[in-house]
């Protein structure tokens, strides 16, 4: 396995392991939030702990998704032009989502 391939595989492995408790936490949190009032939900989701976890989840999840999509495209798309355009589209999508999440967290912290 090449060094680049090994790094990719290790990141995919460790990021998927890191996502398991984060997804579990957010599933439980969503169930808890469903029985709260609006004011309770706002105070709960405005806590620094919750916002940090959302940011960590977004970063790890988006990077995991990006790397997985790159691997699939690399394996199954044979046209160089389509590969390049797909990689650009994926990178733009990930950057846009990460920007929106980061901006949202910053605005919530400021408020």
Protein backbone atom coordinates (compact mmCIF):
# COMPACT_ATOMS: atom_id res chain seq x y z
CA UNK A 1 0.00 0.00 0.00
CA UNK A 2 1.46 3.36 -0.97
CA UNK A 3 2.01 6.00 1.69
CA UNK A 4 -0.74 8.20 0.22
CA UNK A 5 -3.18 5.28 0.06
CA UNK A 6 -2.30 4.28 3.60
CA UNK A 7 -2.96 7.81 4.90
CA UNK A 8 -6.29 7.89 3.09
CA UNK A 9 -7.30 4.52 4.48
CA UNK A 10 -6.27 5.48 8.01
CA UNK A 11 -8.17 8.77 7.88
CA UNK A 12 -11.28 6.98 6.59
CA UNK A 13 -10.96 4.39 9.35
CA UNK A 14 -10.40 6.83 12.22
CA UNK A 15 -12.94 9.37 11.03
CA UNK A 16 -15.63 6.70 10.77
CA UNK A 17 -14.78 5.55 14.30
CA UNK A 18 -14.99 9.15 15.54
CA UNK A 19 -18.35 9.66 13.84
CA UNK A 20 -20.01 6.75 15.68
CA UNK A 21 -20.23 8.43 19.12
CA UNK A 22 -21.01 11.81 17.54
CA UNK A 23 -23.94 10.44 15.55
CA UNK A 24 -25.14 8.52 18.61
CA UNK A 25 -24.98 11.67 20.73
CA UNK A 26 -26.94 13.72 18.19
CA UNK A 27 -29.59 11.02 17.79
CA UNK A 28 -30.15 10.95 21.55
CA UNK A 29 -30.07 14.76 21.69
CA UNK A 30 -32.71 15.03 18.94
CA UNK A 31 -34.97 12.68 20.89
CA UNK A 32 -34.46 14.79 24.02
CA UNK A 33 -35.09 18.04 22.16
CA UNK A 34 -38.37 16.73 20.75
CA UNK A 35 -39.96 16.86 24.20
CA UNK A 36 -38.68 20.33 25.17
CA UNK A 37 -40.21 23.75 24.80
CA UNK A 38 -38.81 26.27 22.33
CA UNK A 39 -36.97 28.22 25.04
CA UNK A 40 -35.38 25.04 26.39
CA UNK A 41 -34.28 24.03 22.91
CA UNK A 42 -32.71 27.43 22.26
CA UNK A 43 -30.81 27.40 25.55
CA UNK A 44 -29.72 23.77 25.07
CA UNK A 45 -28.46 24.26 21.52
CA UNK A 46 -26.78 27.57 22.32
CA UNK A 47 -24.39 26.03 24.83
CA UNK A 48 -20.72 26.11 23.90
CA UNK A 49 -20.42 22.34 24.37
CA UNK A 50 -23.19 21.65 21.86
CA UNK A 51 -21.79 24.13 19.32
CA UNK A 52 -18.28 22.66 19.55
CA UNK A 53 -19.70 19.17 18.99
CA UNK A 54 -21.69 20.38 15.98
CA UNK A 55 -18.56 21.95 14.50
CA UNK A 56 -16.46 18.83 15.13
CA UNK A 57 -19.19 16.64 13.64
CA UNK A 58 -19.46 18.86 10.57
CA UNK A 59 -15.72 18.96 9.95
CA UNK A 60 -15.10 15.25 10.45
CA UNK A 61 -18.26 14.23 8.60
CA UNK A 62 -17.62 16.47 5.61
CA UNK A 63 -13.97 15.45 5.30
CA UNK A 64 -14.96 11.78 5.60
CA UNK A 65 -17.61 12.24 2.91
CA UNK A 66 -15.23 14.17 0.64
CA UNK A 67 -12.54 11.52 0.87
CA UNK A 68 -15.01 8.71 0.26
CA UNK A 69 -16.47 10.43 -2.79
CA UNK A 70 -13.00 11.11 -4.16
CA UNK A 71 -12.14 7.42 -3.84
CA UNK A 72 -15.34 6.30 -5.57
CA UNK A 73 -14.85 8.77 -8.42
CA UNK A 74 -11.21 7.81 -8.76
CA UNK A 75 -12.16 4.13 -9.02
CA UNK A 76 -15.21 4.34 -11.28
CA UNK A 77 -14.93 7.45 -13.45
CA UNK A 78 -12.55 7.05 -16.36
CA UNK A 79 -12.80 10.41 -18.10
CA UNK A 80 -10.19 12.84 -16.82
CA UNK A 81 -12.42 15.85 -17.52
CA UNK A 82 -15.35 14.37 -15.61
CA UNK A 83 -13.02 13.45 -12.73
CA UNK A 84 -11.66 16.98 -12.50
CA UNK A 85 -15.12 18.54 -12.67
CA UNK A 86 -16.43 16.10 -10.06
CA UNK A 87 -13.54 16.83 -7.71
CA UNK A 88 -14.11 20.57 -8.10
CA UNK A 89 -17.84 20.19 -7.47
CA UNK A 90 -17.25 18.06 -4.36
CA UNK A 91 -14.68 20.47 -2.96
CA UNK A 92 -16.98 23.45 -3.56
CA UNK A 93 -19.89 21.64 -1.92
CA UNK A 94 -17.83 20.70 1.14
CA UNK A 95 -16.41 24.23 1.43
CA UNK A 96 -19.88 25.77 1.13
CA UNK A 97 -21.44 23.50 3.76
CA UNK A 98 -18.49 23.99 6.10
CA UNK A 99 -18.72 27.74 5.61
CA UNK A 100 -22.44 27.78 6.41
CA UNK A 101 -21.97 25.64 9.51
CA UNK A 102 -19.03 27.75 10.72
CA UNK A 103 -20.90 30.99 10.09
CA UNK A 104 -23.95 29.65 11.93
CA UNK A 105 -21.87 28.63 14.94
CA UNK A 106 -20.13 32.03 15.00
CA UNK A 107 -23.46 33.88 14.80
CA UNK A 108 -24.92 31.78 17.59
CA UNK A 109 -21.84 32.43 19.76
CA UNK A 110 -22.07 36.17 19.11
CA UNK A 111 -25.74 36.25 20.01
